[in-house]
């Protein structure tokens, strides 16, 4: 195993510590390692099995609303929604 040293501002360090604790990681090192692993595997991971007909229908409804202009999502709204869903999942799946 390789060790690296990171320099983070105090604010960034505190935020990362909080995020790691909220996500249930034992340490900031573990959290950062998971982020790197997630980034490296995200490009090659096949997630097709998660797109059931029900999920695809829901996504198509959202897409139709967006195209019709009846609903739009900012990047901040999407990030917040996904973060909330991920946190709820982590809370419901303790180690």
C-alpha atoms as a PDB file:
ATOM      1  CA  UNK A   1       0.000   0.000   0.000  1.00  0.00           C
ATOM      2  CA  UNK A   2       1.258   3.465  -0.898  1.00  0.00           C
ATOM      3  CA  UNK A   3       0.960   6.508   1.318  1.00  0.00           C
ATOM      4  CA  UNK A   4       0.459  10.023   0.044  1.00  0.00           C
ATOM      5  CA  UNK A   5       0.321  13.374   1.760  1.00  0.00           C
ATOM      6  CA  UNK A   6      -2.369  15.926   0.904  1.00  0.00           C
ATOM      7  CA  UNK A   7      -2.499  19.550   1.868  1.00  0.00           C
ATOM      8  CA  UNK A   8      -6.029  20.830   2.426  1.00  0.00           C
ATOM      9  CA  UNK A   9      -7.164  24.198   3.668  1.00  0.00           C
ATOM     10  CA  UNK A  10      -8.619  24.138   7.168  1.00  0.00           C
ATOM     11  CA  UNK A  11     -12.103  24.718   5.772  1.00  0.00           C
ATOM     12  CA  UNK A  12     -11.816  21.932   3.205  1.00  0.00           C
ATOM     13  CA  UNK A  13     -10.371  19.562   5.802  1.00  0.00           C
ATOM     14  CA  UNK A  14     -13.252  20.258   8.225  1.00  0.00           C
ATOM     15  CA  UNK A  15     -15.840  19.773   5.479  1.00  0.00           C
ATOM     16  CA  UNK A  16     -14.233  16.530   4.346  1.00  0.00           C
ATOM     17  CA  UNK A  17     -14.086  15.273   7.944  1.00  0.00           C
ATOM     18  CA  UNK A  18     -17.811  15.990   8.366  1.00  0.00           C
ATOM     19  CA  UNK A  19     -18.703  14.363   5.070  1.00  0.00           C
ATOM     20  CA  UNK A  20     -16.665  11.271   5.932  1.00  0.00           C
ATOM     21  CA  UNK A  21     -18.356  10.965   9.331  1.00  0.00           C
ATOM     22  CA  UNK A  22     -21.830  11.490   7.835  1.00  0.00           C
ATOM     23  CA  UNK A  23     -21.157   8.793   5.272  1.00  0.00           C
ATOM     24  CA  UNK A  24     -20.024   6.377   7.986  1.00  0.00           C
ATOM     25  CA  UNK A  25     -16.327   6.186   7.169  1.00  0.00           C
ATOM     26  CA  UNK A  26     -13.963   5.347  10.028  1.00  0.00           C
ATOM     27  CA  UNK A  27     -11.426   7.939   8.917  1.00  0.00           C
ATOM     28  CA  UNK A  28     -10.806  10.712   6.442  1.00  0.00           C
ATOM     29  CA  UNK A  29      -8.154   8.514   4.780  1.00  0.00           C
ATOM     30  CA  UNK A  30     -10.774   5.817   4.185  1.00  0.00           C
ATOM     31  CA  UNK A  31     -13.193   8.401   2.764  1.00  0.00           C
ATOM     32  CA  UNK A  32     -10.636   9.889   0.359  1.00  0.00           C
ATOM     33  CA  UNK A  33      -9.529   6.415  -0.707  1.00  0.00           C
ATOM     34  CA  UNK A  34     -13.156   5.552  -1.467  1.00  0.00           C
ATOM     35  CA  UNK A  35     -13.563   8.743  -3.525  1.00  0.00           C
ATOM     36  CA  UNK A  36     -10.505   7.881  -5.603  1.00  0.00           C
ATOM     37  CA  UNK A  37     -11.651   4.273  -6.050  1.00  0.00           C
ATOM     38  CA  UNK A  38     -15.125   5.427  -7.060  1.00  0.00           C
ATOM     39  CA  UNK A  39     -13.671   7.837  -9.599  1.00  0.00           C
ATOM     40  CA  UNK A  40     -11.387   5.209 -11.101  1.00  0.00           C
ATOM     41  CA  UNK A  41     -14.081   2.546 -11.390  1.00  0.00           C
ATOM     42  CA  UNK A  42     -16.893   4.849 -12.501  1.00  0.00           C
ATOM     43  CA  UNK A  43     -15.637   4.895 -16.081  1.00  0.00           C
ATOM     44  CA  UNK A  44     -15.718   1.132 -16.531  1.00  0.00           C
ATOM     45  CA  UNK A  45     -18.558   0.052 -14.253  1.00  0.00           C
ATOM     46  CA  UNK A  46     -21.619  -1.237 -16.113  1.00  0.00           C
ATOM     47  CA  UNK A  47     -24.769  -0.046 -14.368  1.00  0.00           C
ATOM     48  CA  UNK A  48     -27.289  -1.273 -16.940  1.00  0.00           C
ATOM     49  CA  UNK A  49     -28.835  -3.666 -14.411  1.00  0.00           C
ATOM     50  CA  UNK A  50     -30.087  -0.664 -12.394  1.00  0.00           C
ATOM     51  CA  UNK A  51     -32.256   0.602 -15.243  1.00  0.00           C
ATOM     52  CA  UNK A  52     -35.393  -1.460 -14.804  1.00  0.00           C
ATOM     53  CA  UNK A  53     -38.423  -0.701 -16.995  1.00  0.00           C
ATOM     54  CA  UNK A  54     -39.934   1.254 -14.085  1.00  0.00           C
ATOM     55  CA  UNK A  55     -36.793   3.391 -13.712  1.00  0.00           C
ATOM     56  CA  UNK A  56     -36.577   4.008 -17.472  1.00  0.00           C
ATOM     57  CA  UNK A  57     -40.265   5.032 -17.564  1.00  0.00           C
ATOM     58  CA  UNK A  58     -39.694   7.477 -14.703  1.00  0.00           C
ATOM     59  CA  UNK A  59     -36.637   8.950 -16.431  1.00  0.00           C
ATOM     60  CA  UNK A  60     -38.584   9.277 -19.686  1.00  0.00           C
ATOM     61  CA  UNK A  61     -41.339  11.179 -17.852  1.00  0.00           C
ATOM     62  CA  UNK A  62     -38.773  13.575 -16.394  1.00  0.00           C
ATOM     63  CA  UNK A  63     -37.150  14.009 -19.812  1.00  0.00           C
ATOM     64  CA  UNK A  64     -40.521  14.772 -21.428  1.00  0.00           C
ATOM     65  CA  UNK A  65     -41.228  17.396 -18.733  1.00  0.00           C
ATOM     66  CA  UNK A  66     -37.839  19.004 -19.293  1.00  0.00           C
ATOM     67  CA  UNK A  67     -38.293  19.058 -23.081  1.00  0.00           C
ATOM     68  CA  UNK A  68     -41.753  20.571 -22.665  1.00  0.00           C
ATOM     69  CA  UNK A  69     -40.280  23.224 -20.382  1.00  0.00           C
ATOM     70  CA  UNK A  70     -42.559  22.319 -17.490  1.00  0.00           C
ATOM     71  CA  UNK A  71     -39.666  21.266 -15.278  1.00  0.00           C
ATOM     72  CA  UNK A  72     -36.014  22.140 -15.237  1.00  0.00           C
ATOM     73  CA  UNK A  73     -33.271  21.152 -12.841  1.00  0.00           C
ATOM     74  CA  UNK A  74     -30.213  23.166 -11.921  1.00  0.00           C
ATOM     75  CA  UNK A  75     -26.937  21.353 -11.393  1.00  0.00           C
ATOM     76  CA  UNK A  76     -27.156  22.335  -7.708  1.00  0.00           C
ATOM     77  CA  UNK A  77     -30.643  20.776  -7.412  1.00  0.00           C
ATOM     78  CA  UNK A  78     -29.465  17.550  -9.015  1.00  0.00           C
ATOM     79  CA  UNK A  79     -26.360  17.354  -6.799  1.00  0.00           C
ATOM     80  CA  UNK A  80     -28.434  17.989  -3.666  1.00  0.00           C
ATOM     81  CA  UNK A  81     -31.019  15.390  -4.626  1.00  0.00           C
ATOM     82  CA  UNK A  82     -28.413  12.736  -5.362  1.00  0.00           C
ATOM     83  CA  UNK A  83     -26.504  13.531  -2.169  1.00  0.00           C
ATOM     84  CA  UNK A  84     -29.723  13.192  -0.137  1.00  0.00           C
ATOM     85  CA  UNK A  85     -30.558   9.847  -1.773  1.00  0.00           C
ATOM     86  CA  UNK A  86     -27.023   8.543  -1.170  1.00  0.00           C
ATOM     87  CA  UNK A  87     -27.119   9.615   2.478  1.00  0.00           C
ATOM     88  CA  UNK A  88     -30.488   7.925   3.022  1.00  0.00           C
ATOM     89  CA  UNK A  89     -29.170   4.738   1.442  1.00  0.00           C
ATOM     90  CA  UNK A  90     -26.055   4.780   3.632  1.00  0.00           C
ATOM     91  CA  UNK A  91     -28.199   5.297   6.736  1.00  0.00           C
ATOM     92  CA  UNK A  92     -30.395   2.341   5.817  1.00  0.00           C
ATOM     93  CA  UNK A  93     -27.385   0.082   5.152  1.00  0.00           C
ATOM     94  CA  UNK A  94     -25.153   0.299   8.223  1.00  0.00           C
ATOM     95  CA  UNK A  95     -21.957  -1.710   8.160  1.00  0.00           C
END
